[in-house]
């Protein structure tokens, strides 16, 4: 299976008409240099080299792209609480719709911009975004020593991620709708070792599709390949299912009870409760399919 296939959505030909335009190449260099630790100039040049076809494909390499909150880390509750508190502290926003499915783009940057715009009738300035992130991360730091139980791993995630990084065929990447600073803090607190792993964050958004695309491009560069035999998106929310379907990626859901039911209703064929059963998880990854559209309440054009 080559990069022209739907399963290798970004590596490279499916999007080559857009990605190889001079304007897009320039955008990669500019944005990757501008976004702090996210991706520096050297990484940008690796992406450009990849897009220009300078890497050779590696046979049988597969990629798992993991969401973070609720997928690898059990941090949904504390993340939501600190996010809402930061909106109130920094922007004097007391009321916010926490039904995240109501947002077109479920990322920190997009939700904050929508809430700010409804309150102040304008877009936030870069300095205001910086102040919000500072406050948000500070609140997470305050909560961690007081409630370490809110910063745990999804059972088995630490060991599973370590194992898949040593796998002969599979490689790993992270694509989260959270800002990089908050995401890396939560990974550290939950003992998720993502050092050196290709990753993309809210800074790469605003759409989750764009974030996942950035993670895949960086994975291609990091693993020196122009194609993956198979790409599987791993997530815990129905917007993750939607993202996988729109990008033509295979999907494995993470959740139990009502969450698992919602994921299946949204089109997920495979849902795991946690990562404790390594063999079963790998079976799900190997047999994962592109989600079907039936019953997805968030299926809409962005």
Protein backbone atom coordinates (compact mmCIF):
# COMPACT_ATOMS: atom_id res chain seq x y z
CA UNK A 1 0.00 0.00 0.00
CA UNK A 2 1.50 3.33 -1.02
CA UNK A 3 1.11 6.95 -0.07
CA UNK A 4 -1.62 7.30 -2.70
CA UNK A 5 -3.89 5.13 -0.55
CA UNK A 6 -6.47 6.53 1.80
CA UNK A 7 -4.84 4.86 4.77
CA UNK A 8 -1.70 6.97 4.29
CA UNK A 9 -3.70 10.15 3.92
CA UNK A 10 -0.78 12.47 4.34
CA UNK A 11 2.15 10.43 3.16
CA UNK A 12 2.04 12.01 0.59
CA UNK A 13 0.13 11.90 -2.64
CA UNK A 14 -3.47 12.30 -1.41
CA UNK A 15 -2.69 15.88 -0.45
CA UNK A 16 0.25 16.50 -2.75
CA UNK A 17 -1.59 18.98 -4.94
CA UNK A 18 -2.00 21.25 -1.91
CA UNK A 19 1.02 20.28 0.19
CA UNK A 20 3.56 20.71 -2.58
CA UNK A 21 2.44 24.16 -3.60
CA UNK A 22 5.13 26.77 -2.90
CA UNK A 23 2.75 28.62 -0.59
CA UNK A 24 2.25 25.51 1.54
CA UNK A 25 5.98 24.77 1.68
CA UNK A 26 6.54 28.35 2.80
CA UNK A 27 3.75 27.98 5.39
CA UNK A 28 5.41 24.86 6.86
CA UNK A 29 8.74 26.67 7.20
CA UNK A 30 7.15 29.78 8.72
CA UNK A 31 4.74 28.12 11.16
CA UNK A 32 7.15 25.41 12.28
CA UNK A 33 9.78 28.01 13.11
CA UNK A 34 7.28 30.31 14.82
CA UNK A 35 5.66 27.74 17.15
CA UNK A 36 7.99 27.34 20.16
CA UNK A 37 9.00 23.79 20.91
CA UNK A 38 6.41 22.38 18.60
CA UNK A 39 8.57 22.08 15.55
CA UNK A 40 11.69 24.09 14.88
CA UNK A 41 13.35 25.08 11.68
CA UNK A 42 15.24 21.79 11.30
CA UNK A 43 12.02 19.81 11.64
CA UNK A 44 10.41 22.11 9.12
CA UNK A 45 13.13 21.34 6.59
CA UNK A 46 12.62 17.61 7.28
CA UNK A 47 8.93 18.03 6.47
CA UNK A 48 9.73 19.92 3.27
CA UNK A 49 12.23 17.26 2.23
CA UNK A 50 9.63 14.59 2.87
CA UNK A 51 6.99 16.38 0.84
CA UNK A 52 9.43 16.77 -2.02
CA UNK A 53 9.93 13.02 -2.10
CA UNK A 54 13.46 12.81 -0.69
CA UNK A 55 12.71 9.92 1.69
CA UNK A 56 12.34 6.32 0.61
CA UNK A 57 9.34 4.34 1.85
CA UNK A 58 9.93 1.70 4.51
CA UNK A 59 8.08 -1.54 3.90
CA UNK A 60 5.38 -2.60 6.37
CA UNK A 61 5.76 0.36 8.74
CA UNK A 62 2.48 1.19 10.51
CA UNK A 63 1.54 4.27 12.53
CA UNK A 64 -0.70 4.69 15.56
CA UNK A 65 -1.69 8.32 16.20
CA UNK A 66 -2.87 8.78 19.79
CA UNK A 67 -5.12 11.44 21.23
CA UNK A 68 -4.14 12.44 24.79
CA UNK A 69 -6.90 13.35 27.28
CA UNK A 70 -9.12 10.34 27.87
CA UNK A 71 -7.02 8.21 25.55
CA UNK A 72 -3.58 7.97 27.16
CA UNK A 73 -4.20 10.13 30.24
CA UNK A 74 -7.23 10.12 32.56
CA UNK A 75 -7.24 13.92 32.65
CA UNK A 76 -10.52 14.94 31.04
CA UNK A 77 -12.12 16.12 34.29
CA UNK A 78 -9.23 18.23 35.58
CA UNK A 79 -8.50 19.61 32.12
CA UNK A 80 -12.11 20.78 31.69
CA UNK A 81 -12.26 22.28 35.19
CA UNK A 82 -9.00 24.21 34.87
CA UNK A 83 -9.90 25.39 31.37
CA UNK A 84 -13.22 26.85 32.55
CA UNK A 85 -11.57 28.44 35.60
CA UNK A 86 -8.92 30.06 33.42
CA UNK A 87 -11.59 31.59 31.19
CA UNK A 88 -13.21 33.13 34.24
CA UNK A 89 -9.95 34.39 35.76
CA UNK A 90 -8.36 35.81 32.62
CA UNK A 91 -11.33 36.93 30.54
CA UNK A 92 -14.15 37.28 33.10
CA UNK A 93 -16.16 34.62 31.26
CA UNK A 94 -18.54 33.02 33.75
CA UNK A 95 -20.69 30.98 31.40
CA UNK A 96 -19.39 28.63 28.73
CA UNK A 97 -21.02 25.76 26.90
CA UNK A 98 -19.12 22.67 28.10
CA UNK A 99 -20.98 20.43 25.69
CA UNK A 100 -17.88 20.18 23.52
CA UNK A 101 -19.76 18.44 20.71
CA UNK A 102 -21.47 21.78 20.02
CA UNK A 103 -18.19 23.28 18.76
CA UNK A 104 -17.10 22.93 15.16
CA UNK A 105 -13.48 22.45 16.26
CA UNK A 106 -12.97 20.77 19.62
CA UNK A 107 -9.52 22.13 20.44
CA UNK A 108 -8.27 24.41 23.21
CA UNK A 109 -7.50 27.20 20.77
CA UNK A 110 -10.86 27.05 19.00
CA UNK A 111 -13.04 26.73 22.10
CA UNK A 112 -11.20 29.58 23.82
CA UNK A 113 -11.56 31.79 20.72
CA UNK A 114 -15.31 31.08 20.49
CA UNK A 115 -15.86 31.83 24.19
CA UNK A 116 -13.76 34.99 23.98
CA UNK A 117 -15.54 36.18 20.85
CA UNK A 118 -18.99 35.69 22.39
CA UNK A 119 -17.94 37.77 25.41
CA UNK A 120 -15.87 40.50 23.77
CA UNK A 121 -17.11 40.47 20.16
CA UNK A 122 -13.60 40.15 18.71
CA UNK A 123 -10.77 37.69 18.31
CA UNK A 124 -8.24 37.39 21.15
CA UNK A 125 -4.88 39.06 20.70
CA UNK A 126 -1.69 36.91 20.87
CA UNK A 127 -0.83 38.45 24.25
CA UNK A 128 -4.27 37.49 25.58
CA UNK A 129 -3.88 33.93 24.33
CA UNK A 130 -0.49 33.77 26.05
CA UNK A 131 -2.00 35.01 29.34
CA UNK A 132 -4.73 32.39 29.13
CA UNK A 133 -2.28 29.55 28.52
CA UNK A 134 -0.12 30.78 31.42
CA UNK A 135 -3.12 30.74 33.75
CA UNK A 136 -4.40 27.39 32.47
CA UNK A 137 -1.06 25.65 32.95
CA UNK A 138 -0.62 27.27 36.37
CA UNK A 139 -3.99 25.89 37.47
CA UNK A 140 -3.02 22.41 36.29
CA UNK A 141 0.21 22.72 38.26
CA UNK A 142 -1.73 23.72 41.38
CA UNK A 143 -4.13 20.80 41.08
CA UNK A 144 -1.55 18.10 40.46
CA UNK A 145 -0.03 17.79 43.98
CA UNK A 146 -3.45 18.15 45.60
CA UNK A 147 -5.29 15.68 43.37
CA UNK A 148 -2.76 13.32 41.80
CA UNK A 149 -5.64 10.92 41.17
CA UNK A 150 -6.85 13.31 38.45
CA UNK A 151 -3.58 12.99 36.55
CA UNK A 152 -3.35 9.23 36.10
CA UNK A 153 -2.85 7.16 33.00
CA UNK A 154 -5.57 5.26 31.26
CA UNK A 155 -4.85 1.81 32.73
CA UNK A 156 -1.93 0.21 30.89
CA UNK A 157 -1.20 3.24 28.69
CA UNK A 158 2.34 3.87 29.95
CA UNK A 159 3.47 0.28 29.37
CA UNK A 160 1.57 -0.06 26.10
CA UNK A 161 3.04 3.09 24.61
CA UNK A 162 6.53 2.00 25.65
CA UNK A 163 5.96 -1.41 24.06
CA UNK A 164 4.60 -0.07 20.77
CA UNK A 165 7.58 2.26 20.46
CA UNK A 166 9.79 -0.83 20.51
CA UNK A 167 7.61 -2.78 18.06
CA UNK A 168 9.24 -4.06 14.89
CA UNK A 169 6.48 -2.70 12.64
CA UNK A 170 4.45 -0.11 14.55
CA UNK A 171 5.41 3.49 15.26
CA UNK A 172 3.63 6.06 17.45
CA UNK A 173 2.68 9.73 17.28
CA UNK A 174 0.49 12.05 19.35
CA UNK A 175 -2.19 14.42 18.05
CA UNK A 176 -4.06 16.35 20.72
CA UNK A 177 -6.38 19.33 20.67
CA UNK A 178 -4.62 20.68 23.77
CA UNK A 179 -1.92 23.33 23.78
CA UNK A 180 1.59 21.96 23.83
CA UNK A 181 2.51 23.29 27.28
CA UNK A 182 -0.57 21.88 28.99
CA UNK A 183 -0.35 18.61 27.06
CA UNK A 184 3.29 18.03 27.96
CA UNK A 185 2.57 18.82 31.61
CA UNK A 186 -0.25 16.26 31.69
CA UNK A 187 1.96 13.66 30.02
CA UNK A 188 4.71 14.29 32.57
CA UNK A 189 2.25 14.11 35.48
CA UNK A 190 0.77 10.88 34.12
CA UNK A 191 4.23 9.40 33.43
CA UNK A 192 3.55 9.13 29.70
CA UNK A 193 6.97 9.10 28.04
CA UNK A 194 6.60 10.96 24.76
CA UNK A 195 10.16 12.27 24.53
CA UNK A 196 11.26 12.27 20.92
CA UNK A 197 7.85 11.14 19.69
CA UNK A 198 6.37 13.12 16.79
CA UNK A 199 3.45 15.18 18.04
CA UNK A 200 1.03 17.95 17.09
CA UNK A 201 -1.01 20.25 19.30
CA UNK A 202 -3.68 22.97 19.32
CA UNK A 203 -1.09 25.38 17.92
CA UNK A 204 -1.28 23.37 14.68
CA UNK A 205 -5.09 23.74 14.46
CA UNK A 206 -7.71 25.00 14.78
CA UNK A 207 -9.29 21.88 13.24
CA UNK A 208 -8.47 18.45 14.62
CA UNK A 209 -8.01 17.24 11.07
CA UNK A 210 -5.18 19.74 10.65
CA UNK A 211 -3.59 18.62 13.92
CA UNK A 212 -3.68 14.95 12.92
CA UNK A 213 -2.27 15.82 9.50
CA UNK A 214 0.62 17.68 11.15
CA UNK A 215 1.34 14.71 13.42
CA UNK A 216 1.46 12.34 10.45
CA UNK A 217 3.79 14.60 8.48
CA UNK A 218 6.11 14.81 11.48
CA UNK A 219 5.92 11.04 11.92
CA UNK A 220 6.97 10.56 8.31
CA UNK A 221 9.95 12.83 8.94
CA UNK A 222 10.83 11.31 12.31
CA UNK A 223 10.71 7.75 11.02
CA UNK A 224 12.34 8.58 7.67
CA UNK A 225 9.58 7.24 5.47
CA UNK A 226 7.24 8.59 2.84
CA UNK A 227 4.53 6.01 3.45
CA UNK A 228 2.90 3.91 6.15
CA UNK A 229 1.24 0.64 5.31
CA UNK A 230 -1.50 1.49 7.81
CA UNK A 231 -2.42 4.53 9.91
CA UNK A 232 -4.72 4.15 12.91
CA UNK A 233 -6.13 7.07 14.88
CA UNK A 234 -6.74 6.22 18.56
CA UNK A 235 -9.18 8.41 20.50
CA UNK A 236 -11.87 8.55 23.15
CA UNK A 237 -14.39 11.04 21.75
CA UNK A 238 -16.90 11.16 18.93
CA UNK A 239 -15.02 14.08 17.36
CA UNK A 240 -12.05 11.71 17.07
CA UNK A 241 -14.27 9.30 15.15
CA UNK A 242 -15.36 12.14 12.88
CA UNK A 243 -11.75 13.19 12.30
CA UNK A 244 -10.73 9.66 11.34
CA UNK A 245 -13.64 9.32 8.92
CA UNK A 246 -12.97 12.66 7.25
CA UNK A 247 -9.29 11.85 6.78
CA UNK A 248 -9.99 8.28 5.67
CA UNK A 249 -8.05 6.81 8.60
CA UNK A 250 -8.68 3.62 10.51
CA UNK A 251 -9.88 4.13 14.07
CA UNK A 252 -9.73 2.48 17.48
CA UNK A 253 -11.82 3.98 20.28
CA UNK A 254 -10.91 4.05 23.96
CA UNK A 255 -13.67 3.97 26.55
CA UNK A 256 -16.15 1.95 28.55
CA UNK A 257 -19.83 2.13 29.42
CA UNK A 258 -21.69 5.07 27.89
CA UNK A 259 -18.54 6.39 26.24
CA UNK A 260 -17.95 3.10 24.44
CA UNK A 261 -21.58 3.04 23.34
CA UNK A 262 -21.29 6.60 22.00
CA UNK A 263 -18.11 5.75 20.09
CA UNK A 264 -19.75 2.73 18.47
CA UNK A 265 -22.86 4.75 17.64
CA UNK A 266 -20.62 7.35 16.00
CA UNK A 267 -19.15 4.68 13.73
CA UNK A 268 -16.21 3.14 15.62
CA UNK A 269 -15.87 -0.54 14.82
CA UNK A 270 -13.26 -1.30 17.49
CA UNK A 271 -13.36 0.06 21.05
CA UNK A 272 -10.97 -0.94 23.84
CA UNK A 273 -11.63 -0.20 27.52
CA UNK A 274 -7.96 0.34 28.34
CA UNK A 275 -4.48 -0.85 27.33
CA UNK A 276 -4.00 -3.63 29.91
CA UNK A 277 -4.47 -6.47 27.41
CA UNK A 278 -1.59 -5.88 25.00
CA UNK A 279 -2.44 -8.71 22.63
CA UNK A 280 -6.07 -7.68 22.31
CA UNK A 281 -5.15 -4.05 21.74
CA UNK A 282 -2.74 -5.01 18.98
CA UNK A 283 -5.39 -7.19 17.37
CA UNK A 284 -7.72 -4.18 17.33
CA UNK A 285 -5.01 -2.00 15.81
CA UNK A 286 -4.32 -4.56 13.10
CA UNK A 287 -7.98 -5.06 12.21
CA UNK A 288 -9.11 -1.44 12.63
CA UNK A 289 -11.38 0.00 9.94
CA UNK A 290 -12.39 3.47 8.75
CA UNK A 291 -15.44 4.54 10.81
CA UNK A 292 -18.85 4.32 9.23
CA UNK A 293 -21.00 7.48 9.23
CA UNK A 294 -24.13 6.00 10.83
CA UNK A 295 -25.40 7.76 13.90
CA UNK A 296 -22.65 10.38 14.35
CA UNK A 297 -24.33 13.44 15.93
CA UNK A 298 -21.30 15.57 15.09
CA UNK A 299 -21.25 14.72 11.41
CA UNK A 300 -21.26 18.14 9.81
CA UNK A 301 -19.15 20.17 7.44
CA UNK A 302 -16.71 22.50 9.21
